[in-house]
């Protein structure tokens, strides 16, 4: 499951409960939900099966704009997103891009280090809160 720049955390809840918890955590932090993409529903709509695979895109301009001011291509990876998915054994996982990896990918400067650190902490806290992890 390890992919460069991808953080993955096991959830103590099923896919629907995990996504519900994630969305509640995001909103409680005052972040904007920009999109909720149910990939499994999309697959079902064209007659294909897919285990639960649900994406939430969220953020705020105060956090993302400084990164895009540094390197505009960061906009391809913003707003942030977390994927909730179920593996073949029935385990539920949350995966997200590590902001440090995104900074490296886009070559942001030292002036964004504090923003990257804040985003990293926020994503980790959101994922742990949704997953029910300490």
C-alpha atoms as a PDB file:
ATOM      1  CA  UNK A   1       0.000   0.000   0.000  1.00  0.00           C
ATOM      2  CA  UNK A   2       2.950   2.360   0.383  1.00  0.00           C
ATOM      3  CA  UNK A   3       3.179   4.960  -2.351  1.00  0.00           C
ATOM      4  CA  UNK A   4       5.520   7.937  -2.286  1.00  0.00           C
ATOM      5  CA  UNK A   5       3.866  10.941  -0.707  1.00  0.00           C
ATOM      6  CA  UNK A   6       0.723   9.046   0.292  1.00  0.00           C
ATOM      7  CA  UNK A   7      -0.296   8.833   3.931  1.00  0.00           C
ATOM      8  CA  UNK A   8      -2.686   5.990   4.816  1.00  0.00           C
ATOM      9  CA  UNK A   9      -4.420   5.316   8.111  1.00  0.00           C
ATOM     10  CA  UNK A  10      -6.743   2.469   9.074  1.00  0.00           C
ATOM     11  CA  UNK A  11     -10.181   3.440  10.345  1.00  0.00           C
ATOM     12  CA  UNK A  12     -12.001   1.864  13.261  1.00  0.00           C
ATOM     13  CA  UNK A  13     -15.277   2.444  11.409  1.00  0.00           C
ATOM     14  CA  UNK A  14     -16.890   1.320   8.172  1.00  0.00           C
ATOM     15  CA  UNK A  15     -16.639   3.458   5.022  1.00  0.00           C
ATOM     16  CA  UNK A  16     -19.896   5.390   5.459  1.00  0.00           C
ATOM     17  CA  UNK A  17     -19.318   6.160   9.127  1.00  0.00           C
ATOM     18  CA  UNK A  18     -15.716   7.148   8.407  1.00  0.00           C
ATOM     19  CA  UNK A  19     -16.782   9.558   5.665  1.00  0.00           C
ATOM     20  CA  UNK A  20     -19.541  10.995   7.840  1.00  0.00           C
ATOM     21  CA  UNK A  21     -17.031  11.517  10.648  1.00  0.00           C
ATOM     22  CA  UNK A  22     -14.507  13.060   8.254  1.00  0.00           C
ATOM     23  CA  UNK A  23     -17.021  15.507   6.834  1.00  0.00           C
ATOM     24  CA  UNK A  24     -18.112  16.474  10.365  1.00  0.00           C
ATOM     25  CA  UNK A  25     -14.460  16.996  11.407  1.00  0.00           C
ATOM     26  CA  UNK A  26     -13.802  19.167   8.349  1.00  0.00           C
ATOM     27  CA  UNK A  27     -16.861  21.325   8.988  1.00  0.00           C
ATOM     28  CA  UNK A  28     -16.101  21.592  12.719  1.00  0.00           C
ATOM     29  CA  UNK A  29     -12.708  23.074  11.823  1.00  0.00           C
ATOM     30  CA  UNK A  30     -14.438  25.751   9.747  1.00  0.00           C
ATOM     31  CA  UNK A  31     -13.171  24.372   6.444  1.00  0.00           C
ATOM     32  CA  UNK A  32     -15.198  24.422   3.247  1.00  0.00           C
ATOM     33  CA  UNK A  33     -16.265  21.159   1.598  1.00  0.00           C
ATOM     34  CA  UNK A  34     -15.798  21.745  -2.132  1.00  0.00           C
ATOM     35  CA  UNK A  35     -16.685  18.288  -3.435  1.00  0.00           C
ATOM     36  CA  UNK A  36     -17.749  14.845  -2.327  1.00  0.00           C
ATOM     37  CA  UNK A  37     -17.091  12.217  -4.990  1.00  0.00           C
ATOM     38  CA  UNK A  38     -18.576   8.754  -4.494  1.00  0.00           C
ATOM     39  CA  UNK A  39     -16.514   6.717  -6.959  1.00  0.00           C
ATOM     40  CA  UNK A  40     -18.421   3.501  -6.150  1.00  0.00           C
ATOM     41  CA  UNK A  41     -21.720   5.171  -7.032  1.00  0.00           C
ATOM     42  CA  UNK A  42     -20.195   6.408 -10.284  1.00  0.00           C
ATOM     43  CA  UNK A  43     -19.029   2.905 -11.115  1.00  0.00           C
ATOM     44  CA  UNK A  44     -22.473   1.467 -10.307  1.00  0.00           C
ATOM     45  CA  UNK A  45     -24.010   4.064 -12.624  1.00  0.00           C
ATOM     46  CA  UNK A  46     -22.197   2.494 -15.563  1.00  0.00           C
ATOM     47  CA  UNK A  47     -22.759  -1.106 -14.495  1.00  0.00           C
ATOM     48  CA  UNK A  48     -19.369  -1.681 -12.842  1.00  0.00           C
ATOM     49  CA  UNK A  49     -18.617  -2.724  -9.290  1.00  0.00           C
ATOM     50  CA  UNK A  50     -16.188  -0.953  -6.982  1.00  0.00           C
ATOM     51  CA  UNK A  51     -15.715  -1.366  -3.251  1.00  0.00           C
ATOM     52  CA  UNK A  52     -16.559   1.802  -1.287  1.00  0.00           C
ATOM     53  CA  UNK A  53     -14.241   4.552  -2.544  1.00  0.00           C
ATOM     54  CA  UNK A  54     -15.244   8.044  -1.486  1.00  0.00           C
ATOM     55  CA  UNK A  55     -13.291  11.313  -1.900  1.00  0.00           C
ATOM     56  CA  UNK A  56     -13.744  14.535   0.051  1.00  0.00           C
ATOM     57  CA  UNK A  57     -12.158  17.801  -1.245  1.00  0.00           C
ATOM     58  CA  UNK A  58     -11.945  20.605   1.280  1.00  0.00           C
ATOM     59  CA  UNK A  59      -9.910  23.553   2.472  1.00  0.00           C
ATOM     60  CA  UNK A  60      -9.845  27.308   2.755  1.00  0.00           C
ATOM     61  CA  UNK A  61      -8.248  30.124   0.822  1.00  0.00           C
ATOM     62  CA  UNK A  62      -6.174  31.261   3.813  1.00  0.00           C
ATOM     63  CA  UNK A  63      -4.271  27.971   3.805  1.00  0.00           C
ATOM     64  CA  UNK A  64      -4.022  27.268   0.086  1.00  0.00           C
ATOM     65  CA  UNK A  65      -3.439  30.696  -1.424  1.00  0.00           C
ATOM     66  CA  UNK A  66       0.054  31.231   0.052  1.00  0.00           C
ATOM     67  CA  UNK A  67       1.133  27.939  -1.518  1.00  0.00           C
ATOM     68  CA  UNK A  68      -0.216  28.949  -4.916  1.00  0.00           C
ATOM     69  CA  UNK A  69       1.407  32.380  -4.524  1.00  0.00           C
ATOM     70  CA  UNK A  70       4.711  30.558  -4.085  1.00  0.00           C
ATOM     71  CA  UNK A  71       4.170  28.146  -6.983  1.00  0.00           C
ATOM     72  CA  UNK A  72       0.926  28.356  -8.939  1.00  0.00           C
ATOM     73  CA  UNK A  73       1.056  24.707 -10.005  1.00  0.00           C
ATOM     74  CA  UNK A  74       0.128  23.818  -6.397  1.00  0.00           C
ATOM     75  CA  UNK A  75      -3.398  24.598  -7.597  1.00  0.00           C
ATOM     76  CA  UNK A  76      -3.521  21.177  -9.281  1.00  0.00           C
ATOM     77  CA  UNK A  77      -3.328  19.576  -5.815  1.00  0.00           C
ATOM     78  CA  UNK A  78      -5.573  22.044  -4.004  1.00  0.00           C
ATOM     79  CA  UNK A  79      -8.009  22.029  -2.395  1.00  0.00           C
ATOM     80  CA  UNK A  80      -6.825  19.191  -0.201  1.00  0.00           C
ATOM     81  CA  UNK A  81      -8.489  15.802  -0.347  1.00  0.00           C
ATOM     82  CA  UNK A  82      -8.861  12.624   1.657  1.00  0.00           C
ATOM     83  CA  UNK A  83      -9.959   9.311   0.170  1.00  0.00           C
ATOM     84  CA  UNK A  84     -11.980   6.854   2.274  1.00  0.00           C
ATOM     85  CA  UNK A  85     -11.830   3.355   0.837  1.00  0.00           C
ATOM     86  CA  UNK A  86     -12.427  -0.269   1.703  1.00  0.00           C
ATOM     87  CA  UNK A  87      -9.956  -3.020   0.867  1.00  0.00           C
ATOM     88  CA  UNK A  88     -10.742  -6.556  -0.252  1.00  0.00           C
ATOM     89  CA  UNK A  89     -10.679  -7.787   3.377  1.00  0.00           C
ATOM     90  CA  UNK A  90     -13.331  -5.261   4.406  1.00  0.00           C
ATOM     91  CA  UNK A  91     -10.968  -2.896   6.233  1.00  0.00           C
ATOM     92  CA  UNK A  92     -11.591   0.833   5.870  1.00  0.00           C
ATOM     93  CA  UNK A  93      -8.727   3.243   5.190  1.00  0.00           C
ATOM     94  CA  UNK A  94      -8.160   6.969   4.783  1.00  0.00           C
ATOM     95  CA  UNK A  95      -5.463   8.168   2.367  1.00  0.00           C
ATOM     96  CA  UNK A  96      -4.201  11.657   1.611  1.00  0.00           C
ATOM     97  CA  UNK A  97      -1.264  13.390  -0.016  1.00  0.00           C
ATOM     98  CA  UNK A  98       1.475  14.419   2.405  1.00  0.00           C
ATOM     99  CA  UNK A  99       1.756  18.228   2.134  1.00  0.00           C
ATOM    100  CA  UNK A 100       5.559  17.959   2.486  1.00  0.00           C
ATOM    101  CA  UNK A 101       5.603  15.719  -0.558  1.00  0.00           C
ATOM    102  CA  UNK A 102       3.401  18.212  -2.435  1.00  0.00           C
ATOM    103  CA  UNK A 103       5.800  21.028  -1.521  1.00  0.00           C
ATOM    104  CA  UNK A 104       8.710  18.964  -2.829  1.00  0.00           C
ATOM    105  CA  UNK A 105       6.783  18.015  -5.970  1.00  0.00           C
ATOM    106  CA  UNK A 106       6.080  21.646  -6.803  1.00  0.00           C
ATOM    107  CA  UNK A 107       9.347  23.085  -5.490  1.00  0.00           C
ATOM    108  CA  UNK A 108       7.843  25.578  -3.054  1.00  0.00           C
ATOM    109  CA  UNK A 109      10.242  27.825  -1.191  1.00  0.00           C
ATOM    110  CA  UNK A 110      11.241  28.070   2.446  1.00  0.00           C
ATOM    111  CA  UNK A 111       8.601  30.767   2.878  1.00  0.00           C
ATOM    112  CA  UNK A 112       5.900  28.070   2.775  1.00  0.00           C
ATOM    113  CA  UNK A 113       7.377  25.769   5.431  1.00  0.00           C
ATOM    114  CA  UNK A 114       5.056  26.997   8.205  1.00  0.00           C
ATOM    115  CA  UNK A 115       1.997  26.594   5.976  1.00  0.00           C
ATOM    116  CA  UNK A 116       3.087  23.098   4.922  1.00  0.00           C
ATOM    117  CA  UNK A 117       3.648  22.107   8.564  1.00  0.00           C
ATOM    118  CA  UNK A 118       0.215  23.450   9.538  1.00  0.00           C
ATOM    119  CA  UNK A 119      -1.473  21.573   6.686  1.00  0.00           C
ATOM    120  CA  UNK A 120       0.354  18.368   7.610  1.00  0.00           C
ATOM    121  CA  UNK A 121      -0.830  18.615  11.201  1.00  0.00           C
ATOM    122  CA  UNK A 122      -4.376  19.475  10.169  1.00  0.00           C
ATOM    123  CA  UNK A 123      -4.666  16.567   7.734  1.00  0.00           C
ATOM    124  CA  UNK A 124      -3.261  14.138  10.270  1.00  0.00           C
ATOM    125  CA  UNK A 125      -5.692  15.373  12.940  1.00  0.00           C
ATOM    126  CA  UNK A 126      -8.672  15.185  10.558  1.00  0.00           C
ATOM    127  CA  UNK A 127      -7.783  11.651   9.453  1.00  0.00           C
ATOM    128  CA  UNK A 128      -7.190  10.448  13.025  1.00  0.00           C
ATOM    129  CA  UNK A 129     -10.432  12.045  14.199  1.00  0.00           C
ATOM    130  CA  UNK A 130     -12.419  10.401  11.410  1.00  0.00           C
ATOM    131  CA  UNK A 131     -10.698   7.043  11.914  1.00  0.00           C
ATOM    132  CA  UNK A 132     -11.161   7.065  15.683  1.00  0.00           C
ATOM    133  CA  UNK A 133      -7.403   6.762  16.216  1.00  0.00           C
ATOM    134  CA  UNK A 134      -5.643   8.212  19.264  1.00  0.00           C
END
